[in-house]
Protein backbone atom coordinates (compact mmCIF):
# COMPACT_ATOMS: atom_id res chain seq x y z
CA UNK A 1 25.55 12.02 0.58
CA UNK A 2 22.41 12.02 -1.46
CA UNK A 3 20.26 15.14 -1.38
CA UNK A 4 16.58 15.61 -1.99
CA UNK A 5 15.27 18.73 -3.64
CA UNK A 6 12.15 20.40 -2.35
CA UNK A 7 10.53 23.06 -4.56
CA UNK A 8 9.24 26.06 -2.65
CA UNK A 9 8.23 28.15 -5.63
CA UNK A 10 9.04 28.44 -9.36
CA UNK A 11 12.30 30.37 -8.72
CA UNK A 12 13.75 28.65 -5.54
CA UNK A 13 14.41 25.23 -4.41
CA UNK A 14 15.60 24.00 -1.07
CA UNK A 15 18.27 21.24 -1.00
CA UNK A 16 18.17 19.04 2.06
CA UNK A 17 20.12 15.89 2.93
CA UNK A 18 18.29 12.75 2.25
CA UNK A 19 19.43 11.10 5.48
CA UNK A 20 19.53 12.78 8.82
CA UNK A 21 18.93 16.29 9.66
CA UNK A 22 22.47 17.77 9.58
CA UNK A 23 24.56 18.08 6.45
CA UNK A 24 28.19 18.68 6.30
CA UNK A 25 28.20 21.50 8.80
CA UNK A 26 28.99 24.32 6.49
CA UNK A 27 27.78 26.85 9.11
CA UNK A 28 24.51 27.63 7.46
CA UNK A 29 25.89 29.27 4.43
CA UNK A 30 22.61 29.27 2.64
CA UNK A 31 21.00 31.34 5.48
CA UNK A 32 18.14 28.80 6.19
CA UNK A 33 18.33 29.58 9.93
CA UNK A 34 18.20 33.35 9.31
CA UNK A 35 15.20 33.00 6.95
CA UNK A 36 13.47 30.58 9.36
CA UNK A 37 13.98 33.15 12.25
CA UNK A 38 12.46 35.89 10.14
CA UNK A 39 9.55 33.65 9.15
CA UNK A 40 8.99 32.79 12.86
CA UNK A 41 9.03 36.47 13.78
CA UNK A 42 6.60 37.20 11.05
CA UNK A 43 4.34 34.35 12.21
CA UNK A 44 4.30 35.78 15.64
CA UNK A 45 3.22 39.20 14.35
CA UNK A 46 0.57 37.63 12.22
CA UNK A 47 -0.79 35.82 15.25
CA UNK A 48 -0.99 38.95 17.23
CA UNK A 49 -2.85 40.80 14.41
CA UNK A 50 -5.18 37.78 13.96
CA UNK A 51 -6.04 37.82 17.70
CA UNK A 52 -6.76 41.57 17.42
CA UNK A 53 -8.98 41.17 14.31
CA UNK A 54 -10.79 38.22 15.90
CA UNK A 55 -11.58 40.10 19.08
CA UNK A 56 -12.93 43.06 17.00
CA UNK A 57 -15.06 40.78 15.01
CA UNK A 58 -16.44 39.01 18.06
CA UNK A 59 -17.32 42.38 19.67
CA UNK A 60 -19.05 43.74 16.54
CA UNK A 61 -21.05 40.59 15.76
CA UNK A 62 -23.56 41.34 18.55
CA UNK A 63 -24.43 44.53 16.66
CA UNK A 64 -25.23 42.88 13.46
CA UNK A 65 -28.84 42.16 12.35
CA UNK A 66 -29.93 38.69 11.79
CA UNK A 67 -32.40 37.61 9.09
CA UNK A 68 -35.18 37.44 11.56
CA UNK A 69 -34.55 41.03 12.59
CA UNK A 70 -34.49 42.21 8.96
CA UNK A 71 -37.82 40.35 8.25
CA UNK A 72 -39.49 41.93 11.40
CA UNK A 73 -38.25 45.46 10.31
CA UNK A 74 -39.47 44.95 6.80
CA UNK A 75 -42.86 43.85 8.07
CA UNK A 76 -43.07 46.82 10.35
CA UNK A 77 -42.21 49.22 7.53
CA UNK A 78 -44.87 47.66 5.31
CA UNK A 79 -47.47 48.12 8.10
CA UNK A 80 -46.44 51.75 8.50
CA UNK A 81 -46.70 52.40 4.75
CA UNK A 82 -50.20 50.94 4.43
CA UNK A 83 -51.38 52.68 7.66
CA UNK A 84 -50.08 55.99 6.46
CA UNK A 85 -51.68 55.51 3.02
CA UNK A 86 -55.01 54.84 4.57
CA UNK A 87 -54.66 57.76 6.90
CA UNK A 88 -53.71 60.17 4.04
CA UNK A 89 -56.56 58.87 2.03
CA UNK A 90 -59.04 59.44 4.88
CA UNK A 91 -57.69 62.87 5.59
CA UNK A 92 -57.95 63.85 1.91
CA UNK A 93 -61.52 62.51 1.80
CA UNK A 94 -62.42 64.44 4.97
CA UNK A 95 -60.95 67.63 3.75
CA UNK A 96 -62.72 67.27 0.39
CA UNK A 97 -65.99 66.39 2.13
CA UNK A 98 -65.65 69.38 4.46
CA UNK A 99 -64.74 71.84 1.63
CA UNK A 100 -67.64 70.67 -0.54
CA UNK A 101 -70.09 71.04 2.28
CA UNK A 102 -68.78 74.47 3.21
CA UNK A 103 -68.88 75.63 -0.38
CA UNK A 104 -72.18 74.38 -1.22
CA UNK A 105 -74.06 75.84 1.71
């Protein structure tokens, strides 16, 4: 019977019969069924973890800031900085004016 060779990685190859699914019935001496079972078990675990991560991501996305939120916050901060600068300048001028008036009299 002719066999096709499938390369899985650089080190290992998987020999499969070219026709049909079953080979000579050697009882799975290569352990393909065992390895496939382990892969399926690992796949189930990965699916569970992916679902858990996905649910965490979905629940935390509502707490993230959007570009519009960041732009609004930046604009509000700039307004506060400018207003505080004007207020401090006015307060410094008032104190200076008051002191000069007090000291010159």
